[in-house]
Each structure stands twice: as C-alpha cells, then as structure tokens.
Amino acid sequence: DIVLLDYTSLSNDQVAVNRLNSELKNVVRDTGGDVAGVSKNLLALTPAGIKVDRHKLRPEGL
C-alpha cells in the first residue's frame, strides 16, 4: 500500500514535524520502502520495491 500523509495540522509545530519526519524515515528505512515530499504538507510513503520518482514530482525547469 502507498500512503499519502497530510500533516497540515502539525505544520505550525516545527518540533513535531521534525519528529514525524525522523520517525517515518526510520520506519521506511527499516522496511526498505521510500518516503518523499509531494507538496508542502504532503508525504508519500511506499513499501519495499516501490520508489518515488522525485524528478516527476518537480515541475520542469526547477
């Protein structure tokens, strides 16, 4: 399963955002998946064997 996580409700609390990112990176690393920012307050988490194509997430020319 691919998870799209909207963390808008935490976006004003930088400590909580940093902790969330750290925890999610650890989980994804342990499971062999991937995590990437899709937009300002949206993360994509994938299981092992699925990688996020970060080039397709960025607009052309950036």
N, C-alpha and C. Protein backbone atom coordinates (compact mmCIF):
# COMPACT_ATOMS: atom_id res chain seq x y z
N ASP A 1 0.84 -1.19 0.00
CA ASP A 1 0.00 0.00 0.00
C ASP A 1 0.88 1.24 0.00
N ILE A 2 0.44 2.25 -0.70
CA ILE A 2 1.11 3.54 -0.71
C ILE A 2 0.30 4.48 0.17
N VAL A 3 0.99 5.20 1.05
CA VAL A 3 0.33 6.11 1.98
C VAL A 3 0.65 7.54 1.58
N LEU A 4 -0.38 8.36 1.46
CA LEU A 4 -0.21 9.81 1.30
C LEU A 4 -0.60 10.44 2.62
N LEU A 5 0.35 11.08 3.26
CA LEU A 5 0.15 11.62 4.60
C LEU A 5 0.11 13.15 4.55
N ASP A 6 -1.03 13.71 4.93
CA ASP A 6 -1.20 15.16 5.01
C ASP A 6 -0.96 15.57 6.45
N TYR A 7 0.13 16.30 6.69
CA TYR A 7 0.45 16.71 8.05
C TYR A 7 0.23 18.22 8.26
N THR A 8 -0.77 18.76 7.60
CA THR A 8 -1.09 20.18 7.72
C THR A 8 -1.37 20.58 9.17
N SER A 9 -2.04 19.71 9.91
CA SER A 9 -2.38 20.05 11.30
C SER A 9 -1.15 20.21 12.18
N LEU A 10 -0.01 19.65 11.77
CA LEU A 10 1.23 19.77 12.54
C LEU A 10 2.16 20.85 11.99
N SER A 11 1.82 21.42 10.86
CA SER A 11 2.76 22.29 10.14
C SER A 11 3.22 23.51 10.93
N ASN A 12 2.47 23.94 11.91
CA ASN A 12 2.88 25.09 12.73
C ASN A 12 3.80 24.70 13.87
N ASP A 13 3.97 23.41 14.12
CA ASP A 13 4.82 22.92 15.20
C ASP A 13 6.05 22.25 14.59
N GLN A 14 7.13 23.02 14.43
CA GLN A 14 8.32 22.51 13.73
C GLN A 14 8.95 21.33 14.46
N VAL A 15 8.89 21.30 15.78
CA VAL A 15 9.43 20.17 16.54
C VAL A 15 8.66 18.90 16.19
N ALA A 16 7.34 18.99 16.13
CA ALA A 16 6.52 17.82 15.79
C ALA A 16 6.77 17.38 14.35
N VAL A 17 6.93 18.32 13.44
CA VAL A 17 7.20 17.98 12.04
C VAL A 17 8.55 17.27 11.92
N ASN A 18 9.57 17.78 12.60
CA ASN A 18 10.88 17.15 12.56
C ASN A 18 10.84 15.74 13.15
N ARG A 19 10.11 15.59 14.25
CA ARG A 19 10.00 14.27 14.87
C ARG A 19 9.26 13.30 13.95
N LEU A 20 8.18 13.75 13.34
CA LEU A 20 7.42 12.93 12.41
C LEU A 20 8.31 12.48 11.25
N ASN A 21 9.04 13.42 10.65
CA ASN A 21 9.92 13.08 9.53
C ASN A 21 10.98 12.07 9.94
N SER A 22 11.57 12.26 11.10
CA SER A 22 12.59 11.34 11.59
C SER A 22 12.03 9.94 11.81
N GLU A 23 10.88 9.86 12.45
CA GLU A 23 10.26 8.56 12.71
C GLU A 23 9.88 7.85 11.41
N LEU A 24 9.30 8.60 10.48
CA LEU A 24 8.89 8.00 9.21
C LEU A 24 10.09 7.53 8.40
N LYS A 25 11.17 8.31 8.39
CA LYS A 25 12.39 7.89 7.69
C LYS A 25 12.93 6.59 8.28
N ASN A 26 12.89 6.46 9.60
CA ASN A 26 13.36 5.23 10.24
C ASN A 26 12.49 4.04 9.86
N VAL A 27 11.19 4.22 9.88
CA VAL A 27 10.27 3.13 9.52
C VAL A 27 10.49 2.70 8.08
N VAL A 28 10.57 3.68 7.18
CA VAL A 28 10.75 3.37 5.76
C VAL A 28 12.10 2.70 5.53
N ARG A 29 13.14 3.17 6.18
CA ARG A 29 14.46 2.55 6.04
C ARG A 29 14.42 1.10 6.53
N ASP A 30 13.78 0.87 7.65
CA ASP A 30 13.70 -0.48 8.21
C ASP A 30 12.91 -1.44 7.33
N THR A 31 11.94 -0.92 6.60
CA THR A 31 11.09 -1.78 5.76
C THR A 31 11.54 -1.82 4.30
N GLY A 32 12.53 -0.99 3.94
CA GLY A 32 13.03 -0.99 2.57
C GLY A 32 12.20 -0.18 1.61
N GLY A 33 11.34 0.67 2.13
CA GLY A 33 10.47 1.48 1.28
C GLY A 33 11.09 2.83 0.96
N ASP A 34 10.24 3.80 0.70
CA ASP A 34 10.70 5.14 0.33
C ASP A 34 9.74 6.17 0.90
N VAL A 35 10.25 7.36 1.15
CA VAL A 35 9.43 8.48 1.61
C VAL A 35 9.89 9.72 0.85
N ALA A 36 8.93 10.51 0.40
CA ALA A 36 9.26 11.73 -0.34
C ALA A 36 8.17 12.77 -0.13
N GLY A 37 8.60 14.02 -0.13
CA GLY A 37 7.65 15.11 -0.05
C GLY A 37 6.97 15.31 -1.40
N VAL A 38 5.65 15.32 -1.39
CA VAL A 38 4.88 15.51 -2.62
C VAL A 38 4.51 16.98 -2.78
N SER A 39 4.21 17.63 -1.67
CA SER A 39 3.93 19.06 -1.66
C SER A 39 4.32 19.58 -0.28
N LYS A 40 3.97 20.83 0.01
CA LYS A 40 4.41 21.45 1.26
C LYS A 40 4.08 20.62 2.50
N ASN A 41 2.88 20.09 2.58
CA ASN A 41 2.45 19.34 3.77
C ASN A 41 1.98 17.93 3.44
N LEU A 42 2.53 17.34 2.39
CA LEU A 42 2.09 16.02 1.96
C LEU A 42 3.30 15.13 1.69
N LEU A 43 3.32 13.97 2.33
CA LEU A 43 4.38 12.99 2.14
C LEU A 43 3.82 11.73 1.51
N ALA A 44 4.62 11.10 0.68
CA ALA A 44 4.28 9.79 0.11
C ALA A 44 5.20 8.76 0.75
N LEU A 45 4.61 7.68 1.26
CA LEU A 45 5.37 6.58 1.85
C LEU A 45 5.04 5.32 1.06
N THR A 46 6.08 4.59 0.67
CA THR A 46 5.88 3.40 -0.15
C THR A 46 6.51 2.19 0.51
N PRO A 47 6.03 1.01 0.18
CA PRO A 47 6.61 -0.22 0.71
C PRO A 47 7.87 -0.60 -0.06
N ALA A 48 8.51 -1.66 0.39
CA ALA A 48 9.71 -2.17 -0.29
C ALA A 48 9.40 -2.46 -1.75
N GLY A 49 10.35 -2.14 -2.60
CA GLY A 49 10.20 -2.41 -4.02
C GLY A 49 9.56 -1.30 -4.82
N ILE A 50 9.07 -0.27 -4.15
CA ILE A 50 8.47 0.87 -4.85
C ILE A 50 9.23 2.13 -4.44
N LYS A 51 9.78 2.82 -5.41
CA LYS A 51 10.50 4.06 -5.15
C LYS A 51 9.73 5.23 -5.76
N VAL A 52 9.80 6.37 -5.11
CA VAL A 52 9.15 7.58 -5.60
C VAL A 52 10.08 8.24 -6.61
N ASP A 53 9.57 8.56 -7.80
CA ASP A 53 10.35 9.25 -8.83
C ASP A 53 10.29 10.74 -8.54
N ARG A 54 11.32 11.25 -7.89
CA ARG A 54 11.34 12.65 -7.47
C ARG A 54 11.41 13.61 -8.66
N HIS A 55 11.95 13.17 -9.79
CA HIS A 55 12.01 14.02 -10.97
C HIS A 55 10.60 14.31 -11.51
N LYS A 56 9.70 13.37 -11.36
CA LYS A 56 8.33 13.59 -11.84
C LYS A 56 7.53 14.47 -10.87
N LEU A 57 7.99 14.57 -9.63
CA LEU A 57 7.29 15.41 -8.66
C LEU A 57 7.61 16.89 -8.85
N ARG A 58 8.78 17.19 -9.40
CA ARG A 58 9.20 18.57 -9.59
C ARG A 58 8.71 19.10 -10.93
N PRO A 59 8.25 20.35 -10.92
CA PRO A 59 7.88 20.96 -12.20
C PRO A 59 9.11 21.11 -13.09
N GLU A 60 8.91 21.10 -14.39
CA GLU A 60 10.00 21.27 -15.35
C GLU A 60 10.72 22.59 -15.10
N GLY A 61 12.03 22.57 -15.24
CA GLY A 61 12.82 23.80 -15.14
C GLY A 61 13.27 24.15 -13.73
N LEU A 62 12.93 23.34 -12.74
CA LEU A 62 13.38 23.63 -11.37
C LEU A 62 14.54 22.76 -10.98
